[in-house]
């Protein structure tokens, strides 16, 4: 029987576009390979992605009743980066106007599984 577990991190204060670049690197890889890649990627967004991935692996280990699950056999089955709420801040603009600054956030959703198909 296949073990599937997921983890979600919400309201991460990094733009979803930047996090998707890192998420694309690990999609479909084994967990061990994905963690190695995330550890050495220089992007700031690799830290929350690695944290969510580790949480999903821990959820898979705790979910498995037989406790025979080896974390090395898990793969990143699915990883999604969705857009979260955008904070809007204002800076002074030319001729007395205000220019908007969008501080974007994202939600990271990771699913790990021990079957390849």
PDB file of N, CA and C in Angstrom:
ATOM      1  N   UNK A   1       0.836  -1.182   0.000  1.00  0.00           N
ATOM      2  CA  UNK A   1       0.000   0.000   0.000  1.00  0.00           C
ATOM      3  C   UNK A   1       0.881   1.246   0.000  1.00  0.00           C
ATOM      4  N   UNK A   2       0.554   2.183  -0.845  1.00  0.00           N
ATOM      5  CA  UNK A   2       1.362   3.387  -0.989  1.00  0.00           C
ATOM      6  C   UNK A   2       1.055   4.378   0.127  1.00  0.00           C
ATOM      7  N   UNK A   3       2.101   4.965   0.651  1.00  0.00           N
ATOM      8  CA  UNK A   3       1.948   6.000   1.673  1.00  0.00           C
ATOM      9  C   UNK A   3       2.094   7.349   0.996  1.00  0.00           C
ATOM     10  N   UNK A   4       1.091   8.204   1.196  1.00  0.00           N
ATOM     11  CA  UNK A   4       1.114   9.543   0.640  1.00  0.00           C
ATOM     12  C   UNK A   4       0.877  10.520   1.772  1.00  0.00           C
ATOM     13  N   UNK A   5       1.701  11.553   1.855  1.00  0.00           N
ATOM     14  CA  UNK A   5       1.538  12.573   2.893  1.00  0.00           C
ATOM     15  C   UNK A   5       1.748  13.939   2.268  1.00  0.00           C
ATOM     16  N   UNK A   6       1.185  14.941   2.916  1.00  0.00           N
ATOM     17  CA  UNK A   6       1.305  16.293   2.384  1.00  0.00           C
ATOM     18  C   UNK A   6       1.616  17.266   3.503  1.00  0.00           C
ATOM     19  N   UNK A   7       2.091  18.428   3.111  1.00  0.00           N
ATOM     20  CA  UNK A   7       2.349  19.523   4.044  1.00  0.00           C
ATOM     21  C   UNK A   7       2.097  20.830   3.305  1.00  0.00           C
ATOM     22  N   UNK A   8       1.627  21.817   4.058  1.00  0.00           N
ATOM     23  CA  UNK A   8       1.290  23.110   3.474  1.00  0.00           C
ATOM     24  C   UNK A   8       1.923  24.211   4.319  1.00  0.00           C
ATOM     25  N   UNK A   9       2.540  25.167   3.665  1.00  0.00           N
ATOM     26  CA  UNK A   9       3.007  26.384   4.331  1.00  0.00           C
ATOM     27  C   UNK A   9       2.246  27.543   3.707  1.00  0.00           C
ATOM     28  N   UNK A  10       1.589  28.320   4.549  1.00  0.00           N
ATOM     29  CA  UNK A  10       0.760  29.408   4.040  1.00  0.00           C
ATOM     30  C   UNK A  10       1.358  30.754   4.432  1.00  0.00           C
ATOM     31  N   UNK A  11       1.034  31.739   3.625  1.00  0.00           N
ATOM     32  CA  UNK A  11       1.400  33.139   3.877  1.00  0.00           C
ATOM     33  C   UNK A  11       2.914  33.346   3.975  1.00  0.00           C
ATOM     34  N   UNK A  12       3.658  32.700   3.091  1.00  0.00           N
ATOM     35  CA  UNK A  12       5.104  32.896   3.022  1.00  0.00           C
ATOM     36  C   UNK A  12       5.360  34.220   2.308  1.00  0.00           C
ATOM     37  N   UNK A  13       6.164  35.094   2.899  1.00  0.00           N
ATOM     38  CA  UNK A  13       6.332  36.441   2.379  1.00  0.00           C
ATOM     39  C   UNK A  13       7.405  36.515   1.287  1.00  0.00           C
ATOM     40  N   UNK A  14       7.265  35.660   0.294  1.00  0.00           N
ATOM     41  CA  UNK A  14       8.129  35.684  -0.885  1.00  0.00           C
ATOM     42  C   UNK A  14       7.209  35.606  -2.090  1.00  0.00           C
ATOM     43  N   UNK A  15       7.581  36.260  -3.135  1.00  0.00           N
ATOM     44  CA  UNK A  15       6.775  36.260  -4.349  1.00  0.00           C
ATOM     45  C   UNK A  15       6.626  34.836  -4.893  1.00  0.00           C
ATOM     46  N   UNK A  16       5.421  34.446  -5.328  1.00  0.00           N
ATOM     47  CA  UNK A  16       5.228  33.092  -5.837  1.00  0.00           C
ATOM     48  C   UNK A  16       6.101  32.771  -7.046  1.00  0.00           C
ATOM     49  N   UNK A  17       6.385  33.763  -7.850  1.00  0.00           N
ATOM     50  CA  UNK A  17       7.224  33.544  -9.037  1.00  0.00           C
ATOM     51  C   UNK A  17       8.625  33.082  -8.634  1.00  0.00           C
ATOM     52  N   UNK A  18       9.166  33.663  -7.577  1.00  0.00           N
ATOM     53  CA  UNK A  18      10.505  33.285  -7.120  1.00  0.00           C
ATOM     54  C   UNK A  18      10.510  31.884  -6.510  1.00  0.00           C
ATOM     55  N   UNK A  19       9.429  31.535  -5.820  1.00  0.00           N
ATOM     56  CA  UNK A  19       9.363  30.212  -5.196  1.00  0.00           C
ATOM     57  C   UNK A  19       9.140  29.134  -6.251  1.00  0.00           C
ATOM     58  N   UNK A  20       8.392  29.446  -7.293  1.00  0.00           N
ATOM     59  CA  UNK A  20       8.149  28.464  -8.361  1.00  0.00           C
ATOM     60  C   UNK A  20       9.446  28.064  -9.064  1.00  0.00           C
ATOM     61  N   UNK A  21      10.392  28.984  -9.180  1.00  0.00           N
ATOM     62  CA  UNK A  21      11.676  28.653  -9.797  1.00  0.00           C
ATOM     63  C   UNK A  21      12.379  27.545  -9.017  1.00  0.00           C
ATOM     64  N   UNK A  22      12.302  27.596  -7.695  1.00  0.00           N
ATOM     65  CA  UNK A  22      12.931  26.575  -6.859  1.00  0.00           C
ATOM     66  C   UNK A  22      12.099  25.294  -6.869  1.00  0.00           C
ATOM     67  N   UNK A  23      10.771  25.438  -6.850  1.00  0.00           N
ATOM     68  CA  UNK A  23       9.898  24.262  -6.829  1.00  0.00           C
ATOM     69  C   UNK A  23      10.060  23.423  -8.086  1.00  0.00           C
ATOM     70  N   UNK A  24      10.303  24.068  -9.217  1.00  0.00           N
ATOM     71  CA  UNK A  24      10.479  23.332 -10.467  1.00  0.00           C
ATOM     72  C   UNK A  24      11.737  22.458 -10.448  1.00  0.00           C
ATOM     73  N   UNK A  25      12.716  22.830  -9.612  1.00  0.00           N
ATOM     74  CA  UNK A  25      13.953  22.054  -9.541  1.00  0.00           C
ATOM     75  C   UNK A  25      13.746  20.687  -8.893  1.00  0.00           C
ATOM     76  N   UNK A  26      12.779  20.584  -7.975  1.00  0.00           N
ATOM     77  CA  UNK A  26      12.655  19.345  -7.197  1.00  0.00           C
ATOM     78  C   UNK A  26      11.438  18.514  -7.564  1.00  0.00           C
ATOM     79  N   UNK A  27      10.593  19.000  -8.440  1.00  0.00           N
ATOM     80  CA  UNK A  27       9.373  18.262  -8.800  1.00  0.00           C
ATOM     81  C   UNK A  27       9.738  16.914  -9.421  1.00  0.00           C
ATOM     82  N   UNK A  28       9.201  15.813  -8.854  1.00  0.00           N
ATOM     83  CA  UNK A  28       9.439  14.474  -9.380  1.00  0.00           C
ATOM     84  C   UNK A  28      10.725  13.819  -8.918  1.00  0.00           C
ATOM     85  N   UNK A  29      11.537  14.494  -8.143  1.00  0.00           N
ATOM     86  CA  UNK A  29      12.808  13.934  -7.677  1.00  0.00           C
ATOM     87  C   UNK A  29      12.590  13.138  -6.389  1.00  0.00           C
ATOM     88  N   UNK A  30      13.584  12.325  -6.050  1.00  0.00           N
ATOM     89  CA  UNK A  30      13.542  11.644  -4.757  1.00  0.00           C
ATOM     90  C   UNK A  30      13.759  12.689  -3.658  1.00  0.00           C
ATOM     91  N   UNK A  31      13.288  12.382  -2.464  1.00  0.00           N
ATOM     92  CA  UNK A  31      13.368  13.346  -1.370  1.00  0.00           C
ATOM     93  C   UNK A  31      14.820  13.648  -1.019  1.00  0.00           C
ATOM     94  N   UNK A  32      15.639  12.626  -1.025  1.00  0.00           N
ATOM     95  CA  UNK A  32      17.056  12.820  -0.691  1.00  0.00           C
ATOM     96  C   UNK A  32      17.733  13.746  -1.707  1.00  0.00           C
ATOM     97  N   UNK A  33      17.468  13.516  -2.983  1.00  0.00           N
ATOM     98  CA  UNK A  33      18.027  14.358  -4.036  1.00  0.00           C
ATOM     99  C   UNK A  33      17.472  15.787  -3.950  1.00  0.00           C
ATOM    100  N   UNK A  34      16.187  15.896  -3.652  1.00  0.00           N
ATOM    101  CA  UNK A  34      15.556  17.215  -3.551  1.00  0.00           C
ATOM    102  C   UNK A  34      16.140  18.021  -2.394  1.00  0.00           C
ATOM    103  N   UNK A  35      16.350  17.383  -1.257  1.00  0.00           N
ATOM    104  CA  UNK A  35      16.922  18.091  -0.107  1.00  0.00           C
ATOM    105  C   UNK A  35      18.354  18.529  -0.389  1.00  0.00           C
ATOM    106  N   UNK A  36      19.123  17.693  -1.091  1.00  0.00           N
ATOM    107  CA  UNK A  36      20.485  18.089  -1.460  1.00  0.00           C
ATOM    108  C   UNK A  36      20.471  19.307  -2.374  1.00  0.00           C
ATOM    109  N   UNK A  37      19.573  19.307  -3.351  1.00  0.00           N
ATOM    110  CA  UNK A  37      19.491  20.449  -4.267  1.00  0.00           C
ATOM    111  C   UNK A  37      19.083  21.715  -3.527  1.00  0.00           C
ATOM    112  N   UNK A  38      18.081  21.589  -2.668  1.00  0.00           N
ATOM    113  CA  UNK A  38      17.585  22.767  -1.955  1.00  0.00           C
ATOM    114  C   UNK A  38      18.636  23.344  -1.016  1.00  0.00           C
ATOM    115  N   UNK A  39      19.435  22.462  -0.441  1.00  0.00           N
ATOM    116  CA  UNK A  39      20.447  22.941   0.502  1.00  0.00           C
ATOM    117  C   UNK A  39      21.513  23.800  -0.180  1.00  0.00           C
ATOM    118  N   UNK A  40      21.794  23.523  -1.452  1.00  0.00           N
ATOM    119  CA  UNK A  40      22.867  24.236  -2.140  1.00  0.00           C
ATOM    120  C   UNK A  40      22.383  25.269  -3.151  1.00  0.00           C
ATOM    121  N   UNK A  41      21.074  25.446  -3.270  1.00  0.00           N
ATOM    122  CA  UNK A  41      20.553  26.478  -4.170  1.00  0.00           C
ATOM    123  C   UNK A  41      20.711  27.832  -3.477  1.00  0.00           C
ATOM    124  N   UNK A  42      21.251  28.841  -4.156  1.00  0.00           N
ATOM    125  CA  UNK A  42      21.501  30.120  -3.487  1.00  0.00           C
ATOM    126  C   UNK A  42      20.260  30.991  -3.293  1.00  0.00           C
ATOM    127  N   UNK A  43      19.120  30.585  -3.823  1.00  0.00           N
ATOM    128  CA  UNK A  43      17.919  31.407  -3.705  1.00  0.00           C
ATOM    129  C   UNK A  43      17.410  31.429  -2.268  1.00  0.00           C
ATOM    130  N   UNK A  44      16.908  32.583  -1.858  1.00  0.00           N
ATOM    131  CA  UNK A  44      16.349  32.747  -0.519  1.00  0.00           C
ATOM    132  C   UNK A  44      15.086  31.909  -0.355  1.00  0.00           C
ATOM    133  N   UNK A  45      14.379  31.655  -1.441  1.00  0.00           N
ATOM    134  CA  UNK A  45      13.117  30.919  -1.368  1.00  0.00           C
ATOM    135  C   UNK A  45      13.323  29.420  -1.155  1.00  0.00           C
ATOM    136  N   UNK A  46      14.546  28.932  -1.210  1.00  0.00           N
ATOM    137  CA  UNK A  46      14.767  27.502  -0.993  1.00  0.00           C
ATOM    138  C   UNK A  46      14.579  27.124   0.478  1.00  0.00           C
ATOM    139  N   UNK A  47      14.692  28.075   1.389  1.00  0.00           N
ATOM    140  CA  UNK A  47      14.564  27.774   2.822  1.00  0.00           C
ATOM    141  C   UNK A  47      13.138  27.341   3.183  1.00  0.00           C
ATOM    142  N   UNK A  48      12.075  28.114   2.836  1.00  0.00           N
ATOM    143  CA  UNK A  48      10.736  27.630   3.175  1.00  0.00           C
ATOM    144  C   UNK A  48      10.324  26.370   2.402  1.00  0.00           C
ATOM    145  N   UNK A  49      10.821  26.208   1.174  1.00  0.00           N
ATOM    146  CA  UNK A  49      10.487  25.002   0.407  1.00  0.00           C
ATOM    147  C   UNK A  49      11.101  23.780   1.082  1.00  0.00           C
ATOM    148  N   UNK A  50      12.339  23.894   1.539  1.00  0.00           N
ATOM    149  CA  UNK A  50      12.996  22.788   2.237  1.00  0.00           C
ATOM    150  C   UNK A  50      12.261  22.466   3.542  1.00  0.00           C
ATOM    151  N   UNK A  51      11.811  23.493   4.238  1.00  0.00           N
ATOM    152  CA  UNK A  51      11.093  23.303   5.494  1.00  0.00           C
ATOM    153  C   UNK A  51       9.775  22.542   5.285  1.00  0.00           C
ATOM    154  N   UNK A  52       9.041  22.899   4.223  1.00  0.00           N
ATOM    155  CA  UNK A  52       7.775  22.227   3.928  1.00  0.00           C
ATOM    156  C   UNK A  52       8.038  20.789   3.491  1.00  0.00           C
ATOM    157  N   UNK A  53       9.081  20.575   2.709  1.00  0.00           N
ATOM    158  CA  UNK A  53       9.410  19.220   2.263  1.00  0.00           C
ATOM    159  C   UNK A  53       9.759  18.323   3.454  1.00  0.00           C
ATOM    160  N   UNK A  54      10.555  18.846   4.384  1.00  0.00           N
ATOM    161  CA  UNK A  54      10.891  18.070   5.587  1.00  0.00           C
ATOM    162  C   UNK A  54       9.640  17.763   6.413  1.00  0.00           C
ATOM    163  N   UNK A  55       8.709  18.707   6.461  1.00  0.00           N
ATOM    164  CA  UNK A  55       7.460  18.490   7.187  1.00  0.00           C
ATOM    165  C   UNK A  55       6.625  17.397   6.530  1.00  0.00           C
ATOM    166  N   UNK A  56       6.583  17.379   5.203  1.00  0.00           N
ATOM    167  CA  UNK A  56       5.829  16.345   4.489  1.00  0.00           C
ATOM    168  C   UNK A  56       6.443  14.962   4.726  1.00  0.00           C
ATOM    169  N   UNK A  57       7.775  14.890   4.758  1.00  0.00           N
ATOM    170  CA  UNK A  57       8.444  13.611   5.025  1.00  0.00           C
ATOM    171  C   UNK A  57       8.128  13.138   6.444  1.00  0.00           C
ATOM    172  N   UNK A  58       8.151  14.055   7.400  1.00  0.00           N
ATOM    173  CA  UNK A  58       7.815  13.701   8.786  1.00  0.00           C
ATOM    174  C   UNK A  58       6.366  13.244   8.887  1.00  0.00           C
ATOM    175  N   UNK A  59       5.467  13.889   8.143  1.00  0.00           N
ATOM    176  CA  UNK A  59       4.072  13.462   8.140  1.00  0.00           C
ATOM    177  C   UNK A  59       3.925  12.060   7.566  1.00  0.00           C
ATOM    178  N   UNK A  60       4.702  11.741   6.539  1.00  0.00           N
ATOM    179  CA  UNK A  60       4.642  10.404   5.936  1.00  0.00           C
ATOM    180  C   UNK A  60       5.147   9.351   6.914  1.00  0.00           C
ATOM    181  N   UNK A  61       6.206   9.671   7.636  1.00  0.00           N
ATOM    182  CA  UNK A  61       6.760   8.705   8.589  1.00  0.00           C
ATOM    183  C   UNK A  61       5.775   8.468   9.735  1.00  0.00           C
ATOM    184  N   UNK A  62       5.154   9.530  10.225  1.00  0.00           N
ATOM    185  CA  UNK A  62       4.211   9.397  11.329  1.00  0.00           C
ATOM    186  C   UNK A  62       2.887   8.769  10.894  1.00  0.00           C
ATOM    187  N   UNK A  63       2.555   8.929   9.624  1.00  0.00           N
ATOM    188  CA  UNK A  63       1.298   8.385   9.112  1.00  0.00           C
ATOM    189  C   UNK A  63       1.372   6.876   8.916  1.00  0.00           C
ATOM    190  N   UNK A  64       2.545   6.382   8.565  1.00  0.00           N
ATOM    191  CA  UNK A  64       2.714   4.957   8.285  1.00  0.00           C
ATOM    192  C   UNK A  64       2.638   4.162   9.588  1.00  0.00           C
ATOM    193  N   UNK A  65       1.663   3.240   9.679  1.00  0.00           N
ATOM    194  CA  UNK A  65       1.455   2.468  10.904  1.00  0.00           C
ATOM    195  C   UNK A  65       2.504   1.373  11.083  1.00  0.00           C
ATOM    196  N   UNK A  66       3.003   0.855   9.992  1.00  0.00           N
ATOM    197  CA  UNK A  66       3.935  -0.266  10.095  1.00  0.00           C
ATOM    198  C   UNK A  66       5.337   0.174  10.488  1.00  0.00           C
ATOM    199  N   UNK A  67       5.631   1.452  10.364  1.00  0.00           N
ATOM    200  CA  UNK A  67       6.942   2.044  10.660  1.00  0.00           C
ATOM    201  C   UNK A  67       8.078   1.349   9.902  1.00  0.00           C
ATOM    202  N   UNK A  68       7.757   0.779   8.736  1.00  0.00           N
ATOM    203  CA  UNK A  68       8.777   0.196   7.869  1.00  0.00           C
ATOM    204  C   UNK A  68       9.168   1.161   6.754  1.00  0.00           C
ATOM    205  N   UNK A  69       8.581   2.348   6.782  1.00  0.00           N
ATOM    206  CA  UNK A  69       8.801   3.305   5.704  1.00  0.00           C
ATOM    207  C   UNK A  69      10.202   3.897   5.797  1.00  0.00           C
ATOM    208  N   UNK A  70      10.905   3.818   4.704  1.00  0.00           N
ATOM    209  CA  UNK A  70      12.240   4.394   4.627  1.00  0.00           C
ATOM    210  C   UNK A  70      12.128   5.742   3.907  1.00  0.00           C
ATOM    211  N   UNK A  71      12.530   6.837   4.539  1.00  0.00           N
ATOM    212  CA  UNK A  71      12.397   8.152   3.892  1.00  0.00           C
ATOM    213  C   UNK A  71      13.182   8.279   2.587  1.00  0.00           C
ATOM    214  N   UNK A  72      14.176   7.420   2.391  1.00  0.00           N
ATOM    215  CA  UNK A  72      14.968   7.484   1.162  1.00  0.00           C
ATOM    216  C   UNK A  72      14.171   7.030  -0.056  1.00  0.00           C
ATOM    217  N   UNK A  73      13.093   6.272   0.163  1.00  0.00           N
ATOM    218  CA  UNK A  73      12.284   5.776  -0.953  1.00  0.00           C
ATOM    219  C   UNK A  73      11.158   6.727  -1.340  1.00  0.00           C
ATOM    220  N   UNK A  74      11.000   7.830  -0.626  1.00  0.00           N
ATOM    221  CA  UNK A  74       9.938   8.787  -0.938  1.00  0.00           C
ATOM    222  C   UNK A  74      10.341   9.663  -2.114  1.00  0.00           C
ATOM    223  N   UNK A  75       9.344  10.076  -2.882  1.00  0.00           N
ATOM    224  CA  UNK A  75       9.580  11.017  -3.977  1.00  0.00           C
ATOM    225  C   UNK A  75       8.637  12.208  -3.810  1.00  0.00           C
ATOM    226  N   UNK A  76       9.031  13.314  -4.416  1.00  0.00           N
ATOM    227  CA  UNK A  76       8.183  14.508  -4.411  1.00  0.00           C
ATOM    228  C   UNK A  76       7.175  14.322  -5.532  1.00  0.00           C
ATOM    229  N   UNK A  77       5.992  13.880  -5.167  1.00  0.00           N
ATOM    230  CA  UNK A  77       4.975  13.569  -6.168  1.00  0.00           C
ATOM    231  C   UNK A  77       4.363  14.838  -6.745  1.00  0.00           C
ATOM    232  N   UNK A  78       4.133  15.832  -5.890  1.00  0.00           N
ATOM    233  CA  UNK A  78       3.473  17.060  -6.341  1.00  0.00           C
ATOM    234  C   UNK A  78       3.986  18.214  -5.499  1.00  0.00           C
ATOM    235  N   UNK A  79       4.220  19.340  -6.144  1.00  0.00           N
ATOM    236  CA  UNK A  79       4.556  20.573  -5.435  1.00  0.00           C
ATOM    237  C   UNK A  79       3.902  21.727  -6.172  1.00  0.00           C
ATOM    238  N   UNK A  80       3.127  22.497  -5.428  1.00  0.00           N
ATOM    239  CA  UNK A  80       2.418  23.639  -6.008  1.00  0.00           C
ATOM    240  C   UNK A  80       2.774  24.887  -5.223  1.00  0.00           C
ATOM    241  N   UNK A  81       2.891  25.981  -5.932  1.00  0.00           N
ATOM    242  CA  UNK A  81       3.080  27.282  -5.302  1.00  0.00           C
ATOM    243  C   UNK A  81       1.950  28.170  -5.781  1.00  0.00           C
ATOM    244  N   UNK A  82       1.043  28.482  -4.874  1.00  0.00           N
ATOM    245  CA  UNK A  82      -0.109  29.302  -5.208  1.00  0.00           C
ATOM    246  C   UNK A  82       0.061  30.703  -4.646  1.00  0.00           C
ATOM    247  N   UNK A  83      -0.667  31.621  -5.228  1.00  0.00           N
ATOM    248  CA  UNK A  83      -0.575  33.016  -4.810  1.00  0.00           C
ATOM    249  C   UNK A  83      -1.366  33.233  -3.529  1.00  0.00           C
ATOM    250  N   UNK A  84      -0.776  33.935  -2.588  1.00  0.00           N
ATOM    251  CA  UNK A  84      -1.452  34.300  -1.345  1.00  0.00           C
ATOM    252  C   UNK A  84      -1.911  35.749  -1.429  1.00  0.00           C
ATOM    253  N   UNK A  85      -2.337  36.310  -0.300  1.00  0.00           N
ATOM    254  CA  UNK A  85      -2.778  37.704  -0.319  1.00  0.00           C
ATOM    255  C   UNK A  85      -1.624  38.667  -0.571  1.00  0.00           C
ATOM    256  N   UNK A  86      -1.933  39.774  -1.186  1.00  0.00           N
ATOM    257  CA  UNK A  86      -0.943  40.799  -1.500  1.00  0.00           C
ATOM    258  C   UNK A  86      -1.153  41.997  -0.591  1.00  0.00           C
ATOM    259  N   UNK A  87      -0.091  42.363   0.127  1.00  0.00           N
ATOM    260  CA  UNK A  87      -0.160  43.589   0.937  1.00  0.00           C
ATOM    261  C   UNK A  87       0.149  44.760   0.019  1.00  0.00           C
ATOM    262  N   UNK A  88      -0.569  45.845   0.191  1.00  0.00           N
ATOM    263  CA  UNK A  88      -0.340  47.023  -0.640  1.00  0.00           C
ATOM    264  C   UNK A  88       0.203  48.149   0.225  1.00  0.00           C
ATOM    265  N   UNK A  89       1.326  48.694  -0.194  1.00  0.00           N
ATOM    266  CA  UNK A  89       1.947  49.822   0.493  1.00  0.00           C
ATOM    267  C   UNK A  89       2.113  50.935  -0.528  1.00  0.00           C
ATOM    268  N   UNK A  90       2.212  52.149  -0.034  1.00  0.00           N
ATOM    269  CA  UNK A  90       2.265  53.300  -0.936  1.00  0.00           C
ATOM    270  C   UNK A  90       3.521  54.104  -0.698  1.00  0.00           C
ATOM    271  N   UNK A  91       4.121  54.555  -1.797  1.00  0.00           N
ATOM    272  CA  UNK A  91       5.264  55.454  -1.789  1.00  0.00           C
ATOM    273  C   UNK A  91       4.873  56.740  -2.498  1.00  0.00           C
ATOM    274  N   UNK A  92       5.484  57.835  -2.129  1.00  0.00           N
ATOM    275  CA  UNK A  92       5.194  59.066  -2.855  1.00  0.00           C
ATOM    276  C   UNK A  92       5.644  58.970  -4.308  1.00  0.00           C
ATOM    277  N   UNK A  93       4.816  59.447  -5.201  1.00  0.00           N
ATOM    278  CA  UNK A  93       5.137  59.442  -6.619  1.00  0.00           C
ATOM    279  C   UNK A  93       5.283  60.857  -7.124  1.00  0.00           C
ATOM    280  N   UNK A  94       5.519  61.014  -8.404  1.00  0.00           N
ATOM    281  CA  UNK A  94       5.700  62.361  -8.960  1.00  0.00           C
ATOM    282  C   UNK A  94       4.389  63.153  -8.964  1.00  0.00           C
ATOM    283  N   UNK A  95       4.521  64.444  -8.838  1.00  0.00           N
ATOM    284  CA  UNK A  95       3.394  65.390  -8.921  1.00  0.00           C
ATOM    285  C   UNK A  95       2.331  65.099  -7.860  1.00  0.00           C
ATOM    286  N   UNK A  96       2.762  64.702  -6.657  1.00  0.00           N
ATOM    287  CA  UNK A  96       1.831  64.507  -5.554  1.00  0.00           C
ATOM    288  C   UNK A  96       1.037  63.219  -5.604  1.00  0.00           C
ATOM    289  N   UNK A  97       1.361  62.347  -6.506  1.00  0.00           N
ATOM    290  CA  UNK A  97       0.636  61.080  -6.598  1.00  0.00           C
ATOM    291  C   UNK A  97       1.272  60.034  -5.682  1.00  0.00           C
ATOM    292  N   UNK A  98       0.579  58.927  -5.537  1.00  0.00           N
ATOM    293  CA  UNK A  98       1.113  57.804  -4.760  1.00  0.00           C
ATOM    294  C   UNK A  98       1.315  56.623  -5.696  1.00  0.00           C
ATOM    295  N   UNK A  99       2.448  55.965  -5.562  1.00  0.00           N
ATOM    296  CA  UNK A  99       2.688  54.743  -6.337  1.00  0.00           C
ATOM    297  C   UNK A  99       2.530  53.556  -5.402  1.00  0.00           C
ATOM    298  N   UNK A 100       1.932  52.499  -5.918  1.00  0.00           N
ATOM    299  CA  UNK A 100       1.632  51.326  -5.103  1.00  0.00           C
ATOM    300  C   UNK A 100       2.804  50.355  -5.141  1.00  0.00           C
ATOM    301  N   UNK A 101       3.078  49.756  -4.003  1.00  0.00           N
ATOM    302  CA  UNK A 101       4.077  48.697  -3.898  1.00  0.00           C
ATOM    303  C   UNK A 101       3.334  47.445  -3.476  1.00  0.00           C
ATOM    304  N   UNK A 102       3.469  46.388  -4.239  1.00  0.00           N
ATOM    305  CA  UNK A 102       2.779  45.131  -3.946  1.00  0.00           C
ATOM    306  C   UNK A 102       3.748  44.180  -3.252  1.00  0.00           C
ATOM    307  N   UNK A 103       3.447  43.831  -2.029  1.00  0.00           N
ATOM    308  CA  UNK A 103       4.262  42.862  -1.292  1.00  0.00           C
ATOM    309  C   UNK A 103       3.513  41.537  -1.348  1.00  0.00           C
ATOM    310  N   UNK A 104       3.973  40.660  -2.228  1.00  0.00           N
ATOM    311  CA  UNK A 104       3.245  39.429  -2.518  1.00  0.00           C
ATOM    312  C   UNK A 104       3.608  38.326  -1.532  1.00  0.00           C
ATOM    313  N   UNK A 105       2.678  37.388  -1.365  1.00  0.00           N
ATOM    314  CA  UNK A 105       2.920  36.218  -0.527  1.00  0.00           C
ATOM    315  C   UNK A 105       2.452  34.979  -1.284  1.00  0.00           C
ATOM    316  N   UNK A 106       2.809  33.812  -0.762  1.00  0.00           N
ATOM    317  CA  UNK A 106       2.450  32.575  -1.460  1.00  0.00           C
ATOM    318  C   UNK A 106       2.141  31.467  -0.466  1.00  0.00           C
ATOM    319  N   UNK A 107       1.494  30.429  -0.979  1.00  0.00           N
ATOM    320  CA  UNK A 107       1.215  29.203  -0.242  1.00  0.00           C
ATOM    321  C   UNK A 107       1.961  28.069  -0.955  1.00  0.00           C
ATOM    322  N   UNK A 108       2.670  27.241  -0.192  1.00  0.00           N
ATOM    323  CA  UNK A 108       3.440  26.128  -0.758  1.00  0.00           C
ATOM    324  C   UNK A 108       2.777  24.822  -0.321  1.00  0.00           C
ATOM    325  N   UNK A 109       2.502  23.954  -1.293  1.00  0.00           N
ATOM    326  CA  UNK A 109       1.795  22.689  -1.070  1.00  0.00           C
ATOM    327  C   UNK A 109       2.678  21.565  -1.608  1.00  0.00           C
ATOM    328  N   UNK A 110       3.061  20.616  -0.746  1.00  0.00           N
ATOM    329  CA  UNK A 110       3.957  19.527  -1.143  1.00  0.00           C
ATOM    330  C   UNK A 110       3.306  18.186  -0.817  1.00  0.00           C
ATOM    331  N   UNK A 111       3.361  17.250  -1.773  1.00  0.00           N
ATOM    332  CA  UNK A 111       2.880  15.882  -1.561  1.00  0.00           C
ATOM    333  C   UNK A 111       4.055  14.939  -1.835  1.00  0.00           C
ATOM    334  N   UNK A 112       4.316  14.046  -0.875  1.00  0.00           N
ATOM    335  CA  UNK A 112       5.350  13.025  -1.066  1.00  0.00           C
ATOM    336  C   UNK A 112       4.673  11.654  -1.043  1.00  0.00           C
ATOM    337  N   UNK A 113       5.242  10.734  -1.791  1.00  0.00           N
ATOM    338  CA  UNK A 113       4.684   9.393  -1.896  1.00  0.00           C
ATOM    339  C   UNK A 113       5.818   8.406  -2.066  1.00  0.00           C
ATOM    340  N   UNK A 114       5.533   7.132  -1.723  1.00  0.00           N
ATOM    341  CA  UNK A 114       6.588   6.121  -1.881  1.00  0.00           C
ATOM    342  C   UNK A 114       6.411   5.263  -3.125  1.00  0.00           C
ATOM    343  N   UNK A 115       5.358   5.513  -3.899  1.00  0.00           N
ATOM    344  CA  UNK A 115       5.246   4.778  -5.163  1.00  0.00           C
ATOM    345  C   UNK A 115       5.572   5.702  -6.322  1.00  0.00           C
ATOM    346  N   UNK A 116       6.144   5.143  -7.358  1.00  0.00           N
ATOM    347  CA  UNK A 116       6.631   5.941  -8.479  1.00  0.00           C
ATOM    348  C   UNK A 116       5.507   6.319  -9.424  1.00  0.00           C
ATOM    349  N   UNK A 117       4.520   5.468  -9.617  1.00  0.00           N
ATOM    350  CA  UNK A 117       3.472   5.701 -10.599  1.00  0.00           C
ATOM    351  C   UNK A 117       2.503   6.775 -10.193  1.00  0.00           C
TER     352      UNK A 117
END
